[in-house]
Structure formats: C-alpha cells, structure tokens
N, C-alpha and C. Protein backbone atom coordinates (compact mmCIF):
# COMPACT_ATOMS: atom_id res chain seq x y z
N UNK A 1 59.09 164.62 -31.76
CA UNK A 1 58.61 163.69 -30.75
C UNK A 1 59.64 162.56 -30.59
N UNK A 2 60.06 162.33 -29.38
CA UNK A 2 61.05 161.29 -29.13
C UNK A 2 60.34 159.96 -28.88
N UNK A 3 60.89 158.92 -29.47
CA UNK A 3 60.36 157.58 -29.29
C UNK A 3 61.03 156.96 -28.07
N UNK A 4 60.27 156.55 -27.06
CA UNK A 4 60.89 156.01 -25.85
C UNK A 4 61.68 154.72 -26.10
N UNK A 5 61.27 153.94 -27.07
CA UNK A 5 61.99 152.70 -27.38
C UNK A 5 63.35 153.01 -28.01
N UNK A 6 63.36 153.97 -28.92
CA UNK A 6 64.61 154.38 -29.56
C UNK A 6 65.56 154.96 -28.51
N UNK A 7 65.02 155.78 -27.63
CA UNK A 7 65.84 156.38 -26.57
C UNK A 7 66.45 155.32 -25.66
N UNK A 8 65.68 154.29 -25.35
CA UNK A 8 66.20 153.21 -24.49
C UNK A 8 67.31 152.43 -25.20
N UNK A 9 67.12 152.14 -26.47
CA UNK A 9 68.15 151.44 -27.23
C UNK A 9 69.43 152.27 -27.29
N UNK A 10 69.28 153.57 -27.53
CA UNK A 10 70.45 154.45 -27.58
C UNK A 10 71.17 154.50 -26.24
N UNK A 11 70.41 154.53 -25.16
CA UNK A 11 70.99 154.56 -23.81
C UNK A 11 71.84 153.32 -23.57
N UNK A 12 71.30 152.14 -23.89
CA UNK A 12 72.03 150.89 -23.68
C UNK A 12 73.24 150.78 -24.62
N UNK A 13 73.08 151.26 -25.83
CA UNK A 13 74.20 151.24 -26.78
C UNK A 13 75.34 152.12 -26.29
N UNK A 14 75.00 153.28 -25.75
CA UNK A 14 76.01 154.19 -25.22
C UNK A 14 76.72 153.58 -24.01
N UNK A 15 75.96 152.93 -23.14
CA UNK A 15 76.57 152.25 -21.98
C UNK A 15 77.51 151.14 -22.43
N UNK A 16 77.10 150.40 -23.43
CA UNK A 16 77.93 149.31 -23.96
C UNK A 16 79.21 149.87 -24.57
N UNK A 17 79.07 150.97 -25.29
CA UNK A 17 80.23 151.62 -25.91
C UNK A 17 81.21 152.11 -24.86
N UNK A 18 80.70 152.70 -23.81
CA UNK A 18 81.56 153.19 -22.73
C UNK A 18 82.27 152.04 -22.01
N UNK A 19 81.60 150.92 -21.89
CA UNK A 19 82.18 149.75 -21.22
C UNK A 19 83.48 149.31 -21.91
N UNK A 20 83.56 149.52 -23.22
CA UNK A 20 84.73 149.11 -23.98
C UNK A 20 85.55 150.30 -24.48
N UNK A 21 85.40 151.44 -23.84
CA UNK A 21 86.16 152.65 -24.18
C UNK A 21 86.08 153.00 -25.67
N UNK A 22 84.93 152.81 -26.25
CA UNK A 22 84.67 153.11 -27.67
C UNK A 22 85.58 152.35 -28.64
N UNK A 23 86.13 151.22 -28.20
CA UNK A 23 86.98 150.39 -29.05
C UNK A 23 86.09 149.45 -29.87
N UNK A 24 85.94 149.77 -31.16
CA UNK A 24 85.02 149.03 -32.01
C UNK A 24 85.37 147.55 -32.09
N UNK A 25 86.65 147.23 -32.12
CA UNK A 25 87.07 145.83 -32.19
C UNK A 25 86.56 145.07 -30.96
N UNK A 26 86.73 145.64 -29.79
CA UNK A 26 86.29 144.99 -28.55
C UNK A 26 84.77 144.91 -28.46
N UNK A 27 84.09 145.94 -28.94
CA UNK A 27 82.63 145.94 -28.93
C UNK A 27 82.10 144.81 -29.82
N UNK A 28 82.64 144.69 -31.03
CA UNK A 28 82.20 143.64 -31.97
C UNK A 28 82.52 142.26 -31.42
N UNK A 29 83.68 142.11 -30.80
CA UNK A 29 84.05 140.82 -30.21
C UNK A 29 83.04 140.43 -29.13
N UNK A 30 82.66 141.38 -28.29
CA UNK A 30 81.68 141.12 -27.24
C UNK A 30 80.33 140.72 -27.85
N UNK A 31 79.91 141.41 -28.90
CA UNK A 31 78.64 141.10 -29.54
C UNK A 31 78.67 139.72 -30.19
N UNK A 32 79.82 139.34 -30.79
CA UNK A 32 79.94 138.00 -31.37
C UNK A 32 79.84 136.92 -30.29
N UNK A 33 80.49 137.17 -29.14
CA UNK A 33 80.42 136.21 -28.04
C UNK A 33 78.98 136.08 -27.53
N UNK A 34 78.29 137.20 -27.42
CA UNK A 34 76.89 137.17 -26.99
C UNK A 34 76.04 136.42 -28.00
N UNK A 35 76.25 136.69 -29.27
CA UNK A 35 75.48 136.03 -30.33
C UNK A 35 75.68 134.52 -30.29
N UNK A 36 76.89 134.08 -29.96
CA UNK A 36 77.19 132.64 -29.89
C UNK A 36 76.38 131.97 -28.79
N UNK A 37 75.99 132.71 -27.75
CA UNK A 37 75.22 132.11 -26.66
C UNK A 37 73.75 131.94 -27.02
N UNK A 38 73.31 132.57 -28.11
CA UNK A 38 71.90 132.54 -28.47
C UNK A 38 71.50 131.27 -29.21
N UNK A 39 72.47 130.55 -29.76
CA UNK A 39 72.18 129.30 -30.46
C UNK A 39 71.29 129.52 -31.66
N UNK A 40 70.17 128.80 -31.71
CA UNK A 40 69.30 128.85 -32.88
C UNK A 40 68.37 130.05 -32.89
N UNK A 41 68.46 130.92 -31.90
CA UNK A 41 67.60 132.10 -31.86
C UNK A 41 68.03 133.16 -32.87
N UNK A 42 69.22 133.03 -33.44
CA UNK A 42 69.70 133.98 -34.44
C UNK A 42 69.33 133.46 -35.81
N UNK A 43 68.70 134.30 -36.60
CA UNK A 43 68.25 133.90 -37.94
C UNK A 43 69.21 134.48 -38.97
N UNK A 44 69.67 133.63 -39.89
CA UNK A 44 70.50 134.08 -40.99
C UNK A 44 69.70 133.89 -42.27
N UNK A 45 69.42 134.98 -42.94
CA UNK A 45 68.61 134.91 -44.16
C UNK A 45 69.49 134.78 -45.39
N UNK A 46 68.93 134.16 -46.42
CA UNK A 46 69.61 134.07 -47.70
C UNK A 46 69.66 135.46 -48.30
N UNK A 47 70.74 135.79 -49.02
CA UNK A 47 70.78 137.12 -49.66
C UNK A 47 69.71 137.22 -50.74
N UNK A 48 69.14 138.40 -50.87
CA UNK A 48 68.12 138.62 -51.89
C UNK A 48 68.79 138.72 -53.25
N UNK A 49 68.20 138.08 -54.23
CA UNK A 49 68.73 138.12 -55.58
C UNK A 49 68.03 139.23 -56.34
N UNK A 50 68.82 139.93 -57.12
CA UNK A 50 68.25 141.01 -57.92
C UNK A 50 67.53 140.45 -59.12
N UNK A 51 66.44 141.05 -59.45
CA UNK A 51 65.69 140.64 -60.64
C UNK A 51 66.34 141.24 -61.87
N UNK A 52 66.33 140.53 -62.99
CA UNK A 52 66.88 141.11 -64.21
C UNK A 52 66.03 142.31 -64.65
N UNK A 53 66.65 143.25 -65.31
CA UNK A 53 65.95 144.43 -65.79
C UNK A 53 64.89 144.02 -66.80
N UNK A 54 63.77 144.68 -66.74
CA UNK A 54 62.68 144.34 -67.67
C UNK A 54 62.79 145.19 -68.93
N UNK A 55 62.17 144.72 -70.00
CA UNK A 55 62.22 145.41 -71.28
C UNK A 55 61.36 146.66 -71.28
N UNK A 56 60.52 146.84 -70.26
CA UNK A 56 59.61 147.98 -70.25
C UNK A 56 60.32 149.29 -69.93
N UNK A 57 61.55 149.22 -69.45
CA UNK A 57 62.28 150.45 -69.17
C UNK A 57 62.69 151.11 -70.49
N UNK A 58 62.60 152.42 -70.52
CA UNK A 58 62.97 153.14 -71.73
C UNK A 58 64.48 153.15 -71.87
N UNK A 59 64.93 152.93 -73.07
CA UNK A 59 66.36 152.96 -73.35
C UNK A 59 66.87 154.39 -73.37
N UNK A 60 68.09 154.60 -72.96
CA UNK A 60 68.69 155.92 -72.99
C UNK A 60 68.96 156.30 -74.44
N UNK A 61 68.52 157.49 -74.86
CA UNK A 61 68.75 157.87 -76.27
C UNK A 61 70.24 158.03 -76.54
N UNK A 62 70.62 157.62 -77.77
CA UNK A 62 72.03 157.74 -78.16
C UNK A 62 72.33 159.16 -78.58
N UNK A 63 73.55 159.60 -78.30
CA UNK A 63 73.95 160.94 -78.68
C UNK A 63 74.31 160.98 -80.16
N UNK A 64 74.01 162.09 -80.77
CA UNK A 64 74.37 162.26 -82.18
C UNK A 64 75.80 162.78 -82.26
N UNK A 65 76.50 162.32 -83.26
CA UNK A 65 77.86 162.81 -83.48
C UNK A 65 77.79 164.14 -84.20
N UNK A 66 78.59 165.13 -83.78
CA UNK A 66 78.54 166.46 -84.46
C UNK A 66 79.09 166.44 -85.85
C-alpha cells in the first residue's frame, strides 16, 4: 500500500533534485539558504547523552587457556 504523503514528498524531492542536476553540493546549499529564511521556526535539539551501562548486564565469560 502506497502512502500518499510519502509519494508527495518523493515527488517534490525528485523535482528539487532535477532542478540542480543531481548536484548534492548545490542541493544542500539551496536547503541551507531556505533554512536561513525560516528564522526561529527551525528547532535545534541538544544531543542525547548515552546512559552508562548498568550492572545488571551479564558479563561475558572469560575464555580458558588450553
């Protein structure tokens, strides 16, 4: 089953890609310029910090020497 929203996003992405002849550098530059026009509408989140490993995990058994 095709999702109409996904299909629409893919259609616009393909059009945008064609506009810049599939040049990734130019595509990213255009997106950065567009993002700059959004002002405070763009949210930048803090990176998630990893939790330390808990003691409840089983330790890997050590190999015996022959």
